[in-house]
Amino acid sequence: MVKRTVLNVVIGALLASVFMACGESAEVDPYMTVTLQQATREQAVSKGFKYKLQNPEILVLHRNLGLVREGDIVEFIGARSLEDRLVGKMDGSFELAVVKEFSPYVHFKVEKIYTETDTTFMTQAGAIVYPTFWDPTDYGVDGFEEKDIDAIPYNRTGTLRGLVDTKMRVQGKLTVEKEEGRSYYMLHGDNAKFRVADTGDGIGLFLKLFVKNNYLFEGGVIMTSVEDYGERMKSKIAGTVEIQYLKYGDRVITG
């Protein structure tokens, strides 16, 4: 009798564990698998606006931000150290578990990265700063003096010193250069080059996109310093500029 009771208890425990396992396996994935079109242009209803993007086309990544594209739809994705976390994960099949957010505009906060072998949980602490889009008039681009970057000489110290702290509106080719293992952007004119100072994530994201697609830079800069004469003669780098805004289509971007 005792043996039969013990046996019944054991069988009951096993059945309970099986049912629990079945219940767990049947748990509904809160992230609805959608296309970017469905998540942004259609009424894809998911509790908490949680979605899953399968093998999204990532145009560019920079620090905490990225741009994804589907056809002519381009949207922001963001998470702490997003660029570093995605390195090596885009070569094969991958998915992004995201939450659609609406401020300062529609974008997607990445919560998880799935690959065939693992899941990466993103750090949610700390704010992600997205770039700001402006109408050129509202931003005040007229407050920047239009300058022909091709006419600025690298070897005229007096001329260059006169440009320091001047708000300039310029156009020029943009490249990425390396010096002592460190990468930085370089703005080119016909007769001088200008080292670009570190930027925020938003501007940095678009600078990377511009270089990748060989877009011409157009925007507002302030020259902060003139290169030492000896270095200038060797490198033709006139000095350093800080980017205040850049033009993208008919919009001005800051941040």
Protein backbone atom coordinates (compact mmCIF):
# COMPACT_ATOMS: atom_id res chain seq x y z
CA MET A 1 0.00 0.00 0.00
CA VAL A 2 2.80 2.39 0.93
CA LYS A 3 4.69 1.50 -2.25
CA ARG A 4 1.58 2.15 -4.34
CA THR A 5 1.06 5.54 -2.66
CA VAL A 6 4.67 6.54 -3.25
CA LEU A 7 4.39 5.41 -6.87
CA ASN A 8 1.26 7.48 -7.36
CA VAL A 9 3.00 10.54 -5.89
CA VAL A 10 5.97 10.08 -8.19
CA ILE A 11 3.76 9.63 -11.26
CA GLY A 12 1.71 12.67 -10.25
CA ALA A 13 4.87 14.77 -9.88
CA LEU A 14 6.14 13.64 -13.28
CA LEU A 15 2.84 14.43 -14.97
CA ALA A 16 2.73 17.84 -13.29
CA SER A 17 6.24 18.63 -14.52
CA VAL A 18 5.29 17.54 -18.04
CA PHE A 19 2.21 19.78 -18.03
CA MET A 20 4.25 22.69 -16.68
CA ALA A 21 6.85 22.20 -19.40
CA CYS A 22 4.10 22.13 -22.03
CA GLY A 23 2.64 25.31 -20.59
CA GLU A 24 6.01 27.03 -20.68
CA SER A 25 6.68 25.94 -24.27
CA ALA A 26 3.30 27.28 -25.30
CA GLU A 27 4.06 30.73 -23.88
CA VAL A 28 3.27 33.37 -26.49
CA ASP A 29 6.21 35.38 -27.84
CA PRO A 30 5.38 39.02 -27.00
CA TYR A 31 7.30 40.24 -30.06
CA MET A 32 5.17 40.08 -33.22
CA THR A 33 7.18 39.30 -36.35
CA VAL A 34 6.55 42.09 -38.85
CA THR A 35 8.10 43.94 -41.75
CA LEU A 36 9.17 47.56 -41.35
CA GLN A 37 6.27 48.47 -43.63
CA GLN A 38 3.79 46.75 -41.30
CA ALA A 39 5.32 48.28 -38.15
CA THR A 40 5.32 51.84 -39.47
CA ARG A 41 2.74 52.20 -42.25
CA GLU A 42 0.09 49.63 -41.31
CA GLN A 43 -1.90 48.70 -38.20
CA ALA A 44 0.18 45.80 -36.84
CA VAL A 45 -1.33 45.39 -33.36
CA SER A 46 1.05 44.10 -30.70
CA LYS A 47 0.71 44.67 -26.96
CA GLY A 48 3.28 47.21 -25.86
CA PHE A 49 4.22 47.84 -29.52
CA LYS A 50 6.67 44.93 -29.35
CA TYR A 51 7.90 43.71 -32.72
CA LYS A 52 10.49 41.39 -34.20
CA LEU A 53 12.43 42.40 -37.33
CA GLN A 54 13.93 39.46 -39.22
CA ASN A 55 17.24 40.11 -41.00
CA PRO A 56 16.59 43.85 -41.33
CA GLU A 57 18.78 45.78 -43.77
CA ILE A 58 20.99 47.92 -41.57
CA LEU A 59 22.26 50.93 -43.47
CA VAL A 60 24.67 52.23 -40.86
CA LEU A 61 25.51 51.95 -37.16
CA HIS A 62 27.22 54.47 -34.91
CA ARG A 63 27.61 53.95 -31.18
CA ASN A 64 24.05 53.83 -29.78
CA LEU A 65 22.17 54.46 -33.03
CA GLY A 66 21.44 52.81 -36.34
CA LEU A 67 19.34 53.17 -39.48
CA VAL A 68 17.32 50.29 -40.94
CA ARG A 69 15.74 50.26 -44.38
CA GLU A 70 13.02 48.42 -46.23
CA GLY A 71 12.48 49.73 -49.76
CA ASP A 72 12.08 53.49 -49.39
CA ILE A 73 11.32 53.29 -45.66
CA VAL A 74 14.20 54.28 -43.36
CA GLU A 75 13.83 54.27 -39.56
CA PHE A 76 16.02 54.71 -36.49
CA ILE A 77 16.95 51.91 -34.12
CA GLY A 78 18.69 52.53 -30.81
CA ALA A 79 20.16 50.86 -27.72
CA ARG A 80 23.17 51.29 -25.48
CA SER A 81 26.33 50.19 -27.35
CA LEU A 82 24.21 49.02 -30.27
CA GLU A 83 27.08 49.16 -32.76
CA ASP A 84 29.37 47.07 -30.56
CA ARG A 85 26.63 44.54 -29.73
CA LEU A 86 25.79 43.95 -33.40
CA VAL A 87 29.38 43.43 -34.57
CA GLY A 88 29.72 39.94 -36.03
CA LYS A 89 25.99 39.20 -35.74
CA MET A 90 24.85 40.49 -39.12
CA ASP A 91 26.80 38.04 -41.27
CA GLY A 92 24.25 35.26 -40.76
CA SER A 93 20.57 35.14 -39.87
CA PHE A 94 19.58 37.47 -37.03
CA GLU A 95 16.50 39.12 -35.54
CA LEU A 96 15.93 42.30 -33.56
CA ALA A 97 13.32 42.34 -30.79
CA VAL A 98 12.25 45.96 -30.61
CA VAL A 99 9.73 48.30 -29.04
CA LYS A 100 8.19 51.00 -31.20
CA GLU A 101 8.44 54.41 -29.55
CA PHE A 102 6.97 57.72 -30.67
CA SER A 103 9.08 60.49 -29.15
CA PRO A 104 10.84 62.56 -30.43
CA TYR A 105 9.52 60.70 -33.53
CA VAL A 106 8.84 57.08 -34.45
CA HIS A 107 11.87 54.87 -33.77
CA PHE A 108 12.61 51.40 -32.42
CA LYS A 109 14.33 50.62 -29.13
CA VAL A 110 16.24 47.35 -29.46
CA GLU A 111 15.73 45.03 -26.47
CA LYS A 112 17.21 41.76 -27.75
CA ILE A 113 19.35 40.48 -30.60
CA TYR A 114 18.71 36.88 -31.67
CA THR A 115 21.13 34.80 -33.71
CA GLU A 116 21.10 31.09 -34.53
CA THR A 117 23.33 30.41 -31.51
CA ASP A 118 22.53 32.99 -28.83
CA THR A 119 20.43 35.86 -27.53
CA THR A 120 21.91 39.21 -26.53
CA PHE A 121 19.95 41.25 -23.98
CA MET A 122 20.52 44.98 -24.42
CA THR A 123 21.34 47.28 -21.52
CA GLN A 124 18.38 49.59 -20.96
CA ALA A 125 20.01 51.98 -18.45
CA GLY A 126 20.80 55.45 -19.76
CA ALA A 127 19.03 57.67 -22.27
CA ILE A 128 19.60 57.36 -26.01
CA VAL A 129 19.94 60.79 -27.67
CA TYR A 130 18.41 60.88 -31.14
CA PRO A 131 19.22 63.60 -33.68
CA THR A 132 16.90 66.57 -34.14
CA PHE A 133 15.42 67.47 -37.53
CA TRP A 134 14.75 71.09 -38.39
CA ASP A 135 13.33 73.21 -41.13
CA PRO A 136 16.38 75.27 -42.28
CA THR A 137 14.58 78.55 -41.58
CA ASP A 138 13.57 77.49 -38.08
CA TYR A 139 17.12 76.46 -37.25
CA GLY A 140 18.57 79.73 -38.56
CA VAL A 141 21.04 78.67 -41.24
CA ASP A 142 21.16 82.30 -42.39
CA GLY A 143 23.24 82.99 -39.29
CA PHE A 144 26.09 81.06 -40.93
CA GLU A 145 28.26 82.92 -43.44
CA GLU A 146 28.48 81.11 -46.77
CA LYS A 147 32.09 80.20 -47.54
CA ASP A 148 33.67 78.54 -50.55
CA ILE A 149 35.76 75.85 -48.88
CA ASP A 150 37.81 75.45 -52.07
CA ALA A 151 39.03 79.04 -51.74
CA ILE A 152 40.44 78.62 -48.21
CA PRO A 153 44.26 78.18 -48.34
CA TYR A 154 46.13 75.95 -45.92
CA ASN A 155 49.29 78.09 -46.06
CA ARG A 156 47.87 81.51 -45.16
CA THR A 157 48.08 81.70 -41.38
CA GLY A 158 46.49 85.13 -41.12
CA THR A 159 43.54 84.13 -43.27
CA LEU A 160 42.97 80.98 -41.21
CA ARG A 161 43.19 82.79 -37.88
CA GLY A 162 40.55 85.19 -39.15
CA LEU A 163 38.17 82.26 -39.61
CA VAL A 164 38.44 80.98 -36.03
CA ASP A 165 35.06 81.14 -34.22
CA THR A 166 33.32 82.10 -37.47
CA LYS A 167 30.03 80.34 -38.27
CA MET A 168 30.49 79.08 -41.82
CA ARG A 169 28.14 77.36 -44.25
CA VAL A 170 30.23 75.08 -46.46
CA GLN A 171 30.15 72.17 -48.90
CA GLY A 172 32.92 69.62 -49.31
CA LYS A 173 33.95 66.02 -49.71
CA LEU A 174 34.04 63.98 -46.51
CA THR A 175 36.46 61.12 -45.78
CA VAL A 176 37.58 59.02 -42.83
CA GLU A 177 41.28 59.30 -41.94
CA LYS A 178 43.42 57.43 -39.41
CA GLU A 179 46.16 58.82 -37.22
CA GLU A 180 47.97 56.81 -34.54
CA GLY A 181 45.23 54.17 -34.60
CA ARG A 182 42.43 56.71 -34.16
CA SER A 183 39.83 57.44 -36.85
CA TYR A 184 38.40 60.88 -37.53
CA TYR A 185 36.52 62.64 -40.32
CA MET A 186 38.18 65.03 -42.70
CA LEU A 187 36.44 67.75 -44.70
CA HIS A 188 38.18 68.54 -47.99
CA GLY A 189 38.51 71.68 -50.05
CA ASP A 190 40.71 72.14 -53.13
CA ASN A 191 43.42 73.96 -51.18
CA ALA A 192 43.03 72.76 -47.59
CA LYS A 193 41.65 70.02 -45.38
CA PHE A 194 39.83 70.38 -42.09
CA ARG A 195 39.84 67.86 -39.26
CA VAL A 196 36.34 67.31 -37.85
CA ALA A 197 36.04 67.37 -34.05
CA ASP A 198 34.15 64.61 -32.24
CA THR A 199 30.40 64.77 -32.76
CA GLY A 200 27.25 63.56 -31.05
CA ASP A 201 25.75 60.20 -31.98
CA GLY A 202 23.21 61.70 -34.38
CA ILE A 203 25.63 63.76 -36.47
CA GLY A 204 28.15 60.91 -36.30
CA LEU A 205 25.58 58.46 -37.67
CA PHE A 206 24.91 60.63 -40.71
CA LEU A 207 28.58 61.41 -41.31
CA LYS A 208 29.19 57.66 -41.51
CA LEU A 209 26.27 57.34 -43.92
CA PHE A 210 27.63 60.20 -46.06
CA VAL A 211 31.08 58.60 -46.31
CA LYS A 212 29.61 55.16 -47.07
CA ASN A 213 27.50 56.54 -49.94
CA ASN A 214 30.00 59.21 -51.07
CA TYR A 215 27.52 62.01 -50.37
CA LEU A 216 28.72 65.61 -50.48
CA PHE A 217 28.74 67.24 -47.05
CA GLU A 218 26.72 70.43 -46.74
CA GLY A 219 26.33 72.09 -43.39
CA GLY A 220 27.34 74.64 -40.81
CA VAL A 221 30.71 74.52 -39.06
CA ILE A 222 32.77 76.61 -36.66
CA MET A 223 36.55 76.58 -36.99
CA THR A 224 37.94 76.09 -33.49
CA SER A 225 41.71 76.06 -34.07
CA VAL A 226 44.44 76.48 -36.67
CA GLU A 227 46.97 73.70 -37.21
CA ASP A 228 50.58 74.44 -36.27
CA TYR A 229 52.51 75.88 -39.23
CA GLY A 230 54.99 73.02 -39.58
CA GLU A 231 52.31 70.33 -39.55
CA ARG A 232 50.17 72.39 -41.90
CA MET A 233 52.90 72.54 -44.50
CA LYS A 234 53.25 68.75 -44.47
CA SER A 235 49.62 67.66 -44.21
CA LYS A 236 47.71 70.62 -45.71
CA ILE A 237 45.33 70.32 -42.73
CA ALA A 238 44.31 73.91 -42.07
CA GLY A 239 42.70 73.30 -38.69
CA THR A 240 39.83 71.75 -36.78
CA VAL A 241 36.12 72.44 -37.24
CA GLU A 242 33.08 71.57 -35.14
CA ILE A 243 29.94 70.61 -37.06
CA GLN A 244 26.91 72.55 -35.88
CA TYR A 245 24.45 71.04 -38.36
CA LEU A 246 24.33 69.13 -41.63
CA LYS A 247 21.84 69.13 -44.49
CA TYR A 248 20.06 65.89 -45.39
CA GLY A 249 17.60 66.39 -48.22
CA ASP A 250 15.56 69.46 -47.35
CA ARG A 251 16.11 69.09 -43.60
CA VAL A 252 18.76 70.26 -41.16
CA ILE A 253 20.07 67.74 -38.63
CA THR A 254 21.67 68.49 -35.27
CA GLY A 255 22.61 66.40 -32.26
